[in-house]
């Protein structure tokens, strides 16, 4: 099985953005991403934190994180009712990205 991120470094950022939007980005990933912000800024030639950089590169509208959170919250309730368990946030992020931002 190939690694999802092989040759696609921005994909990892996008998945992290979605995990952050739904409140499930772990502290270690947050620390690493925040620490890499100077490199991100240099690579894309813009200012801002890593979230801002992702939003700008993807041309997300204002409020995108809130919209993603709304999809998560509504879908989570339906998932729990149907499956009798909590959904996997990482799986949600992968499916959300793959469905909405095909590569």
PDB file of N, CA and C in Angstrom:
ATOM      1  N   UNK A   1       0.844  -1.178   0.000  1.00  0.00           N
ATOM      2  CA  UNK A   1       0.000   0.000   0.000  1.00  0.00           C
ATOM      3  C   UNK A   1       0.891   1.243   0.000  1.00  0.00           C
ATOM      4  N   UNK A   2       0.550   2.224  -0.829  1.00  0.00           N
ATOM      5  CA  UNK A   2       1.353   3.433  -0.882  1.00  0.00           C
ATOM      6  C   UNK A   2       0.903   4.408   0.188  1.00  0.00           C
ATOM      7  N   UNK A   3       1.823   5.242   0.577  1.00  0.00           N
ATOM      8  CA  UNK A   3       1.532   6.278   1.558  1.00  0.00           C
ATOM      9  C   UNK A   3       0.696   7.354   0.884  1.00  0.00           C
ATOM     10  N   UNK A   4      -0.347   7.760   1.511  1.00  0.00           N
ATOM     11  CA  UNK A   4      -1.260   8.783   0.983  1.00  0.00           C
ATOM     12  C   UNK A   4      -0.531  10.062   0.603  1.00  0.00           C
ATOM     13  N   UNK A   5       0.540  10.349   1.303  1.00  0.00           N
ATOM     14  CA  UNK A   5       1.217  11.630   1.130  1.00  0.00           C
ATOM     15  C   UNK A   5       2.462  11.575   0.244  1.00  0.00           C
ATOM     16  N   UNK A   6       2.802  10.410  -0.299  1.00  0.00           N
ATOM     17  CA  UNK A   6       3.964  10.310  -1.178  1.00  0.00           C
ATOM     18  C   UNK A   6       3.825  11.277  -2.347  1.00  0.00           C
ATOM     19  N   UNK A   7       4.763  12.194  -2.458  1.00  0.00           N
ATOM     20  CA  UNK A   7       4.766  13.154  -3.541  1.00  0.00           C
ATOM     21  C   UNK A   7       3.674  14.208  -3.450  1.00  0.00           C
ATOM     22  N   UNK A   8       2.972  14.263  -2.322  1.00  0.00           N
ATOM     23  CA  UNK A   8       1.863  15.204  -2.136  1.00  0.00           C
ATOM     24  C   UNK A   8       1.954  15.876  -0.763  1.00  0.00           C
ATOM     25  N   UNK A   9       2.987  16.664  -0.528  1.00  0.00           N
ATOM     26  CA  UNK A   9       3.151  17.255   0.805  1.00  0.00           C
ATOM     27  C   UNK A   9       2.006  18.181   1.207  1.00  0.00           C
ATOM     28  N   UNK A  10       1.386  18.860   0.237  1.00  0.00           N
ATOM     29  CA  UNK A  10       0.295  19.771   0.595  1.00  0.00           C
ATOM     30  C   UNK A  10      -0.934  19.004   1.074  1.00  0.00           C
ATOM     31  N   UNK A  11      -1.096  17.774   0.616  1.00  0.00           N
ATOM     32  CA  UNK A  11      -2.226  16.956   1.034  1.00  0.00           C
ATOM     33  C   UNK A  11      -2.224  16.748   2.544  1.00  0.00           C
ATOM     34  N   UNK A  12      -1.061  16.567   3.121  1.00  0.00           N
ATOM     35  CA  UNK A  12      -0.960  16.403   4.576  1.00  0.00           C
ATOM     36  C   UNK A  12      -1.453  17.672   5.277  1.00  0.00           C
ATOM     37  N   UNK A  13      -1.086  18.828   4.733  1.00  0.00           N
ATOM     38  CA  UNK A  13      -1.560  20.093   5.299  1.00  0.00           C
ATOM     39  C   UNK A  13      -3.078  20.200   5.193  1.00  0.00           C
ATOM     40  N   UNK A  14      -3.620  19.821   4.060  1.00  0.00           N
ATOM     41  CA  UNK A  14      -5.055  19.905   3.856  1.00  0.00           C
ATOM     42  C   UNK A  14      -5.800  18.966   4.812  1.00  0.00           C
ATOM     43  N   UNK A  15      -5.329  17.750   4.957  1.00  0.00           N
ATOM     44  CA  UNK A  15      -5.934  16.823   5.924  1.00  0.00           C
ATOM     45  C   UNK A  15      -5.861  17.404   7.336  1.00  0.00           C
ATOM     46  N   UNK A  16      -4.730  17.995   7.676  1.00  0.00           N
ATOM     47  CA  UNK A  16      -4.562  18.595   9.004  1.00  0.00           C
ATOM     48  C   UNK A  16      -5.520  19.765   9.205  1.00  0.00           C
ATOM     49  N   UNK A  17      -5.720  20.547   8.170  1.00  0.00           N
ATOM     50  CA  UNK A  17      -6.648  21.676   8.224  1.00  0.00           C
ATOM     51  C   UNK A  17      -8.052  21.164   8.566  1.00  0.00           C
ATOM     52  N   UNK A  18      -8.462  20.084   7.928  1.00  0.00           N
ATOM     53  CA  UNK A  18      -9.790  19.518   8.178  1.00  0.00           C
ATOM     54  C   UNK A  18      -9.866  18.949   9.591  1.00  0.00           C
ATOM     55  N   UNK A  19      -8.837  18.235  10.011  1.00  0.00           N
ATOM     56  CA  UNK A  19      -8.823  17.718  11.392  1.00  0.00           C
ATOM     57  C   UNK A  19      -8.895  18.861  12.401  1.00  0.00           C
ATOM     58  N   UNK A  20      -8.184  19.937  12.129  1.00  0.00           N
ATOM     59  CA  UNK A  20      -8.219  21.099  13.009  1.00  0.00           C
ATOM     60  C   UNK A  20      -9.619  21.702  13.039  1.00  0.00           C
ATOM     61  N   UNK A  21     -10.255  21.784  11.887  1.00  0.00           N
ATOM     62  CA  UNK A  21     -11.590  22.375  11.797  1.00  0.00           C
ATOM     63  C   UNK A  21     -12.607  21.607  12.636  1.00  0.00           C
ATOM     64  N   UNK A  22     -12.429  20.302  12.751  1.00  0.00           N
ATOM     65  CA  UNK A  22     -13.380  19.498  13.523  1.00  0.00           C
ATOM     66  C   UNK A  22     -12.907  19.258  14.955  1.00  0.00           C
ATOM     67  N   UNK A  23     -11.806  19.911  15.321  1.00  0.00           N
ATOM     68  CA  UNK A  23     -11.329  19.823  16.700  1.00  0.00           C
ATOM     69  C   UNK A  23     -10.573  18.559  17.032  1.00  0.00           C
ATOM     70  N   UNK A  24      -9.972  17.918  16.017  1.00  0.00           N
ATOM     71  CA  UNK A  24      -9.286  16.652  16.253  1.00  0.00           C
ATOM     72  C   UNK A  24      -7.830  16.630  15.779  1.00  0.00           C
ATOM     73  N   UNK A  25      -7.236  17.790  15.614  1.00  0.00           N
ATOM     74  CA  UNK A  25      -5.807  17.813  15.287  1.00  0.00           C
ATOM     75  C   UNK A  25      -5.050  17.663  16.599  1.00  0.00           C
ATOM     76  N   UNK A  26      -4.205  16.663  16.670  1.00  0.00           N
ATOM     77  CA  UNK A  26      -3.484  16.407  17.917  1.00  0.00           C
ATOM     78  C   UNK A  26      -2.435  17.494  18.180  1.00  0.00           C
ATOM     79  N   UNK A  27      -2.085  17.644  19.440  1.00  0.00           N
ATOM     80  CA  UNK A  27      -1.170  18.703  19.871  1.00  0.00           C
ATOM     81  C   UNK A  27       0.201  18.588  19.212  1.00  0.00           C
ATOM     82  N   UNK A  28       0.685  17.385  19.013  1.00  0.00           N
ATOM     83  CA  UNK A  28       1.997  17.194  18.392  1.00  0.00           C
ATOM     84  C   UNK A  28       1.990  17.672  16.942  1.00  0.00           C
ATOM     85  N   UNK A  29       0.943  17.337  16.202  1.00  0.00           N
ATOM     86  CA  UNK A  29       0.838  17.804  14.815  1.00  0.00           C
ATOM     87  C   UNK A  29       0.736  19.323  14.769  1.00  0.00           C
ATOM     88  N   UNK A  30      -0.029  19.889  15.673  1.00  0.00           N
ATOM     89  CA  UNK A  30      -0.148  21.354  15.755  1.00  0.00           C
ATOM     90  C   UNK A  30       1.220  21.985  16.002  1.00  0.00           C
ATOM     91  N   UNK A  31       1.973  21.409  16.917  1.00  0.00           N
ATOM     92  CA  UNK A  31       3.304  21.931  17.237  1.00  0.00           C
ATOM     93  C   UNK A  31       4.221  21.860  16.016  1.00  0.00           C
ATOM     94  N   UNK A  32       4.198  20.743  15.338  1.00  0.00           N
ATOM     95  CA  UNK A  32       5.050  20.562  14.154  1.00  0.00           C
ATOM     96  C   UNK A  32       4.651  21.537  13.049  1.00  0.00           C
ATOM     97  N   UNK A  33       3.367  21.624  12.772  1.00  0.00           N
ATOM     98  CA  UNK A  33       2.896  22.519  11.710  1.00  0.00           C
ATOM     99  C   UNK A  33       3.205  23.980  12.035  1.00  0.00           C
ATOM    100  N   UNK A  34       2.997  24.367  13.272  1.00  0.00           N
ATOM    101  CA  UNK A  34       3.314  25.744  13.671  1.00  0.00           C
ATOM    102  C   UNK A  34       4.803  26.018  13.528  1.00  0.00           C
ATOM    103  N   UNK A  35       5.617  25.038  13.858  1.00  0.00           N
ATOM    104  CA  UNK A  35       7.058  25.189  13.725  1.00  0.00           C
ATOM    105  C   UNK A  35       7.535  25.275  12.283  1.00  0.00           C
ATOM    106  N   UNK A  36       6.746  24.744  11.366  1.00  0.00           N
ATOM    107  CA  UNK A  36       7.119  24.761   9.949  1.00  0.00           C
ATOM    108  C   UNK A  36       6.584  25.978   9.196  1.00  0.00           C
ATOM    109  N   UNK A  37       5.861  26.839   9.898  1.00  0.00           N
ATOM    110  CA  UNK A  37       5.250  27.991   9.236  1.00  0.00           C
ATOM    111  C   UNK A  37       6.247  28.857   8.454  1.00  0.00           C
ATOM    112  N   UNK A  38       7.449  29.132   8.976  1.00  0.00           N
ATOM    113  CA  UNK A  38       8.387  29.930   8.172  1.00  0.00           C
ATOM    114  C   UNK A  38       8.707  29.274   6.828  1.00  0.00           C
ATOM    115  N   UNK A  39       8.853  27.959   6.805  1.00  0.00           N
ATOM    116  CA  UNK A  39       9.124  27.247   5.553  1.00  0.00           C
ATOM    117  C   UNK A  39       7.918  27.324   4.609  1.00  0.00           C
ATOM    118  N   UNK A  40       6.721  27.171   5.167  1.00  0.00           N
ATOM    119  CA  UNK A  40       5.511  27.274   4.346  1.00  0.00           C
ATOM    120  C   UNK A  40       5.415  28.663   3.718  1.00  0.00           C
ATOM    121  N   UNK A  41       5.669  29.687   4.533  1.00  0.00           N
ATOM    122  CA  UNK A  41       5.590  31.067   4.036  1.00  0.00           C
ATOM    123  C   UNK A  41       6.573  31.294   2.894  1.00  0.00           C
ATOM    124  N   UNK A  42       7.779  30.768   3.066  1.00  0.00           N
ATOM    125  CA  UNK A  42       8.807  30.939   2.035  1.00  0.00           C
ATOM    126  C   UNK A  42       8.421  30.195   0.753  1.00  0.00           C
ATOM    127  N   UNK A  43       7.898  28.995   0.914  1.00  0.00           N
ATOM    128  CA  UNK A  43       7.536  28.176  -0.245  1.00  0.00           C
ATOM    129  C   UNK A  43       6.437  28.821  -1.076  1.00  0.00           C
ATOM    130  N   UNK A  44       5.417  29.345  -0.424  1.00  0.00           N
ATOM    131  CA  UNK A  44       4.281  29.901  -1.172  1.00  0.00           C
ATOM    132  C   UNK A  44       4.334  31.414  -1.318  1.00  0.00           C
ATOM    133  N   UNK A  45       5.281  32.050  -0.630  1.00  0.00           N
ATOM    134  CA  UNK A  45       5.449  33.491  -0.759  1.00  0.00           C
ATOM    135  C   UNK A  45       4.317  34.303  -0.177  1.00  0.00           C
ATOM    136  N   UNK A  46       3.829  33.886   0.973  1.00  0.00           N
ATOM    137  CA  UNK A  46       2.744  34.604   1.624  1.00  0.00           C
ATOM    138  C   UNK A  46       2.973  34.637   3.125  1.00  0.00           C
ATOM    139  N   UNK A  47       2.168  35.395   3.813  1.00  0.00           N
ATOM    140  CA  UNK A  47       2.275  35.503   5.267  1.00  0.00           C
ATOM    141  C   UNK A  47       1.160  34.699   5.918  1.00  0.00           C
ATOM    142  N   UNK A  48       1.222  34.596   7.225  1.00  0.00           N
ATOM    143  CA  UNK A  48       0.158  33.946   7.979  1.00  0.00           C
ATOM    144  C   UNK A  48       0.580  32.625   8.574  1.00  0.00           C
ATOM    145  N   UNK A  49      -0.305  32.102   9.395  1.00  0.00           N
ATOM    146  CA  UNK A  49      -0.035  30.802  10.000  1.00  0.00           C
ATOM    147  C   UNK A  49      -0.375  29.699   8.993  1.00  0.00           C
ATOM    148  N   UNK A  50      -0.133  28.469   9.371  1.00  0.00           N
ATOM    149  CA  UNK A  50      -0.322  27.372   8.421  1.00  0.00           C
ATOM    150  C   UNK A  50      -1.774  27.254   7.963  1.00  0.00           C
ATOM    151  N   UNK A  51      -2.735  27.556   8.852  1.00  0.00           N
ATOM    152  CA  UNK A  51      -4.149  27.494   8.469  1.00  0.00           C
ATOM    153  C   UNK A  51      -4.461  28.528   7.386  1.00  0.00           C
ATOM    154  N   UNK A  52      -3.940  29.738   7.581  1.00  0.00           N
ATOM    155  CA  UNK A  52      -4.150  30.819   6.618  1.00  0.00           C
ATOM    156  C   UNK A  52      -3.539  30.457   5.272  1.00  0.00           C
ATOM    157  N   UNK A  53      -2.367  29.858   5.313  1.00  0.00           N
ATOM    158  CA  UNK A  53      -1.689  29.456   4.080  1.00  0.00           C
ATOM    159  C   UNK A  53      -2.522  28.417   3.324  1.00  0.00           C
ATOM    160  N   UNK A  54      -3.047  27.427   4.036  1.00  0.00           N
ATOM    161  CA  UNK A  54      -3.892  26.419   3.389  1.00  0.00           C
ATOM    162  C   UNK A  54      -5.129  27.085   2.791  1.00  0.00           C
ATOM    163  N   UNK A  55      -5.782  27.931   3.574  1.00  0.00           N
ATOM    164  CA  UNK A  55      -7.005  28.589   3.105  1.00  0.00           C
ATOM    165  C   UNK A  55      -6.733  29.442   1.868  1.00  0.00           C
ATOM    166  N   UNK A  56      -5.615  30.149   1.855  1.00  0.00           N
ATOM    167  CA  UNK A  56      -5.273  30.977   0.699  1.00  0.00           C
ATOM    168  C   UNK A  56      -4.952  30.124  -0.525  1.00  0.00           C
ATOM    169  N   UNK A  57      -4.175  29.082  -0.335  1.00  0.00           N
ATOM    170  CA  UNK A  57      -3.796  28.227  -1.455  1.00  0.00           C
ATOM    171  C   UNK A  57      -5.013  27.512  -2.055  1.00  0.00           C
ATOM    172  N   UNK A  58      -5.964  27.167  -1.203  1.00  0.00           N
ATOM    173  CA  UNK A  58      -7.164  26.467  -1.669  1.00  0.00           C
ATOM    174  C   UNK A  58      -8.273  27.445  -2.076  1.00  0.00           C
ATOM    175  N   UNK A  59      -8.039  28.712  -1.839  1.00  0.00           N
ATOM    176  CA  UNK A  59      -9.029  29.761  -2.126  1.00  0.00           C
ATOM    177  C   UNK A  59     -10.347  29.485  -1.406  1.00  0.00           C
ATOM    178  N   UNK A  60     -10.214  29.092  -0.136  1.00  0.00           N
ATOM    179  CA  UNK A  60     -11.390  28.835   0.680  1.00  0.00           C
ATOM    180  C   UNK A  60     -12.086  30.150   1.016  1.00  0.00           C
ATOM    181  N   UNK A  61     -13.398  30.121   1.082  1.00  0.00           N
ATOM    182  CA  UNK A  61     -14.121  31.322   1.510  1.00  0.00           C
ATOM    183  C   UNK A  61     -13.960  31.524   3.018  1.00  0.00           C
ATOM    184  N   UNK A  62     -14.212  32.738   3.460  1.00  0.00           N
ATOM    185  CA  UNK A  62     -14.216  33.011   4.892  1.00  0.00           C
ATOM    186  C   UNK A  62     -15.255  32.096   5.530  1.00  0.00           C
ATOM    187  N   UNK A  63     -14.914  31.520   6.665  1.00  0.00           N
ATOM    188  CA  UNK A  63     -15.851  30.639   7.358  1.00  0.00           C
ATOM    189  C   UNK A  63     -15.747  29.179   6.970  1.00  0.00           C
ATOM    190  N   UNK A  64     -14.740  28.827   6.196  1.00  0.00           N
ATOM    191  CA  UNK A  64     -14.609  27.442   5.739  1.00  0.00           C
ATOM    192  C   UNK A  64     -14.488  26.470   6.913  1.00  0.00           C
ATOM    193  N   UNK A  65     -13.682  26.812   7.903  1.00  0.00           N
ATOM    194  CA  UNK A  65     -13.523  25.884   9.023  1.00  0.00           C
ATOM    195  C   UNK A  65     -14.855  25.658   9.739  1.00  0.00           C
ATOM    196  N   UNK A  66     -15.642  26.700   9.891  1.00  0.00           N
ATOM    197  CA  UNK A  66     -16.952  26.549  10.509  1.00  0.00           C
ATOM    198  C   UNK A  66     -17.876  25.669   9.682  1.00  0.00           C
ATOM    199  N   UNK A  67     -17.806  25.806   8.369  1.00  0.00           N
ATOM    200  CA  UNK A  67     -18.632  24.980   7.480  1.00  0.00           C
ATOM    201  C   UNK A  67     -18.236  23.512   7.584  1.00  0.00           C
ATOM    202  N   UNK A  68     -16.934  23.252   7.640  1.00  0.00           N
ATOM    203  CA  UNK A  68     -16.454  21.874   7.787  1.00  0.00           C
ATOM    204  C   UNK A  68     -16.930  21.309   9.128  1.00  0.00           C
ATOM    205  N   UNK A  69     -16.828  22.124  10.178  1.00  0.00           N
ATOM    206  CA  UNK A  69     -17.253  21.684  11.507  1.00  0.00           C
ATOM    207  C   UNK A  69     -18.743  21.338  11.517  1.00  0.00           C
ATOM    208  N   UNK A  70     -19.530  22.116  10.789  1.00  0.00           N
ATOM    209  CA  UNK A  70     -20.966  21.849  10.714  1.00  0.00           C
ATOM    210  C   UNK A  70     -21.239  20.499  10.033  1.00  0.00           C
ATOM    211  N   UNK A  71     -20.521  20.216   8.952  1.00  0.00           N
ATOM    212  CA  UNK A  71     -20.663  18.923   8.277  1.00  0.00           C
ATOM    213  C   UNK A  71     -20.302  17.795   9.236  1.00  0.00           C
ATOM    214  N   UNK A  72     -19.199  17.954   9.972  1.00  0.00           N
ATOM    215  CA  UNK A  72     -18.755  16.951  10.946  1.00  0.00           C
ATOM    216  C   UNK A  72     -19.818  16.746  12.022  1.00  0.00           C
ATOM    217  N   UNK A  73     -20.279  17.835  12.616  1.00  0.00           N
ATOM    218  CA  UNK A  73     -21.227  17.724  13.724  1.00  0.00           C
ATOM    219  C   UNK A  73     -22.520  17.039  13.290  1.00  0.00           C
ATOM    220  N   UNK A  74     -23.074  17.437  12.160  1.00  0.00           N
ATOM    221  CA  UNK A  74     -24.314  16.833  11.680  1.00  0.00           C
ATOM    222  C   UNK A  74     -24.102  15.376  11.264  1.00  0.00           C
ATOM    223  N   UNK A  75     -23.008  15.118  10.571  1.00  0.00           N
ATOM    224  CA  UNK A  75     -22.715  13.760  10.139  1.00  0.00           C
ATOM    225  C   UNK A  75     -22.389  12.832  11.288  1.00  0.00           C
ATOM    226  N   UNK A  76     -21.732  13.373  12.315  1.00  0.00           N
ATOM    227  CA  UNK A  76     -21.369  12.579  13.479  1.00  0.00           C
ATOM    228  C   UNK A  76     -22.613  12.016  14.156  1.00  0.00           C
ATOM    229  N   UNK A  77     -23.626  12.850  14.330  1.00  0.00           N
ATOM    230  CA  UNK A  77     -24.863  12.410  14.975  1.00  0.00           C
ATOM    231  C   UNK A  77     -25.491  11.267  14.180  1.00  0.00           C
ATOM    232  N   UNK A  78     -25.570  11.432  12.875  1.00  0.00           N
ATOM    233  CA  UNK A  78     -26.156  10.385  12.026  1.00  0.00           C
ATOM    234  C   UNK A  78     -25.325   9.111  12.068  1.00  0.00           C
ATOM    235  N   UNK A  79     -23.999   9.271  12.064  1.00  0.00           N
ATOM    236  CA  UNK A  79     -23.106   8.117  12.098  1.00  0.00           C
ATOM    237  C   UNK A  79     -23.295   7.325  13.396  1.00  0.00           C
ATOM    238  N   UNK A  80     -23.324   8.035  14.515  1.00  0.00           N
ATOM    239  CA  UNK A  80     -23.485   7.366  15.813  1.00  0.00           C
ATOM    240  C   UNK A  80     -24.824   6.636  15.868  1.00  0.00           C
ATOM    241  N   UNK A  81     -25.873   7.269  15.370  1.00  0.00           N
ATOM    242  CA  UNK A  81     -27.190   6.615  15.354  1.00  0.00           C
ATOM    243  C   UNK A  81     -27.171   5.344  14.505  1.00  0.00           C
ATOM    244  N   UNK A  82     -26.501   5.389  13.381  1.00  0.00           N
ATOM    245  CA  UNK A  82     -26.486   4.246  12.460  1.00  0.00           C
ATOM    246  C   UNK A  82     -25.490   3.163  12.869  1.00  0.00           C
ATOM    247  N   UNK A  83     -24.338   3.585  13.400  1.00  0.00           N
ATOM    248  CA  UNK A  83     -23.255   2.630  13.657  1.00  0.00           C
ATOM    249  C   UNK A  83     -23.057   2.296  15.136  1.00  0.00           C
ATOM    250  N   UNK A  84     -23.682   3.051  16.009  1.00  0.00           N
ATOM    251  CA  UNK A  84     -23.549   2.862  17.461  1.00  0.00           C
ATOM    252  C   UNK A  84     -22.098   2.988  17.935  1.00  0.00           C
ATOM    253  N   UNK A  85     -21.365   3.851  17.256  1.00  0.00           N
ATOM    254  CA  UNK A  85     -19.987   4.158  17.663  1.00  0.00           C
ATOM    255  C   UNK A  85     -19.605   5.514  17.092  1.00  0.00           C
ATOM    256  N   UNK A  86     -18.554   6.079  17.641  1.00  0.00           N
ATOM    257  CA  UNK A  86     -18.065   7.371  17.169  1.00  0.00           C
ATOM    258  C   UNK A  86     -17.342   7.208  15.834  1.00  0.00           C
ATOM    259  N   UNK A  87     -17.463   8.181  14.957  1.00  0.00           N
ATOM    260  CA  UNK A  87     -16.712   8.125  13.698  1.00  0.00           C
ATOM    261  C   UNK A  87     -15.235   8.404  13.937  1.00  0.00           C
ATOM    262  N   UNK A  88     -14.410   7.954  13.023  1.00  0.00           N
ATOM    263  CA  UNK A  88     -12.970   8.181  13.080  1.00  0.00           C
ATOM    264  C   UNK A  88     -12.671   9.537  12.434  1.00  0.00           C
ATOM    265  N   UNK A  89     -12.160  10.489  13.201  1.00  0.00           N
ATOM    266  CA  UNK A  89     -11.880  11.817  12.642  1.00  0.00           C
ATOM    267  C   UNK A  89     -10.912  11.790  11.463  1.00  0.00           C
ATOM    268  N   UNK A  90      -9.890  10.943  11.522  1.00  0.00           N
ATOM    269  CA  UNK A  90      -8.915  10.868  10.425  1.00  0.00           C
ATOM    270  C   UNK A  90      -9.583  10.336   9.157  1.00  0.00           C
ATOM    271  N   UNK A  91     -10.467   9.364   9.305  1.00  0.00           N
ATOM    272  CA  UNK A  91     -11.187   8.835   8.150  1.00  0.00           C
ATOM    273  C   UNK A  91     -12.106   9.905   7.566  1.00  0.00           C
ATOM    274  N   UNK A  92     -12.782  10.653   8.449  1.00  0.00           N
ATOM    275  CA  UNK A  92     -13.615  11.757   7.980  1.00  0.00           C
ATOM    276  C   UNK A  92     -12.787  12.751   7.169  1.00  0.00           C
ATOM    277  N   UNK A  93     -11.619  13.125   7.686  1.00  0.00           N
ATOM    278  CA  UNK A  93     -10.763  14.097   6.989  1.00  0.00           C
ATOM    279  C   UNK A  93     -10.374  13.575   5.610  1.00  0.00           C
ATOM    280  N   UNK A  94      -9.959  12.318   5.533  1.00  0.00           N
ATOM    281  CA  UNK A  94      -9.570  11.730   4.245  1.00  0.00           C
ATOM    282  C   UNK A  94     -10.737  11.744   3.263  1.00  0.00           C
ATOM    283  N   UNK A  95     -11.893  11.288   3.713  1.00  0.00           N
ATOM    284  CA  UNK A  95     -13.060  11.224   2.836  1.00  0.00           C
ATOM    285  C   UNK A  95     -13.490  12.628   2.424  1.00  0.00           C
ATOM    286  N   UNK A  96     -13.501  13.556   3.368  1.00  0.00           N
ATOM    287  CA  UNK A  96     -13.905  14.932   3.064  1.00  0.00           C
ATOM    288  C   UNK A  96     -12.985  15.542   2.015  1.00  0.00           C
ATOM    289  N   UNK A  97     -11.695  15.391   2.220  1.00  0.00           N
ATOM    290  CA  UNK A  97     -10.724  15.957   1.261  1.00  0.00           C
ATOM    291  C   UNK A  97     -10.865  15.274  -0.093  1.00  0.00           C
ATOM    292  N   UNK A  98     -10.896  13.959  -0.098  1.00  0.00           N
ATOM    293  CA  UNK A  98     -10.967  13.230  -1.378  1.00  0.00           C
ATOM    294  C   UNK A  98     -12.258  13.516  -2.133  1.00  0.00           C
ATOM    295  N   UNK A  99     -13.351  13.714  -1.416  1.00  0.00           N
ATOM    296  CA  UNK A  99     -14.639  13.976  -2.058  1.00  0.00           C
ATOM    297  C   UNK A  99     -14.778  15.408  -2.562  1.00  0.00           C
ATOM    298  N   UNK A 100     -14.189  16.341  -1.848  1.00  0.00           N
ATOM    299  CA  UNK A 100     -14.390  17.747  -2.167  1.00  0.00           C
ATOM    300  C   UNK A 100     -13.242  18.405  -2.931  1.00  0.00           C
ATOM    301  N   UNK A 101     -12.071  17.799  -2.882  1.00  0.00           N
ATOM    302  CA  UNK A 101     -10.895  18.384  -3.520  1.00  0.00           C
ATOM    303  C   UNK A 101     -10.121  17.309  -4.277  1.00  0.00           C
ATOM    304  N   UNK A 102     -10.731  16.773  -5.332  1.00  0.00           N
ATOM    305  CA  UNK A 102     -10.058  15.696  -6.077  1.00  0.00           C
ATOM    306  C   UNK A 102      -8.716  16.159  -6.622  1.00  0.00           C
ATOM    307  N   UNK A 103      -7.783  15.243  -6.657  1.00  0.00           N
ATOM    308  CA  UNK A 103      -6.440  15.583  -7.116  1.00  0.00           C
ATOM    309  C   UNK A 103      -6.225  15.051  -8.507  1.00  0.00           C
TER     310      UNK A 103
END
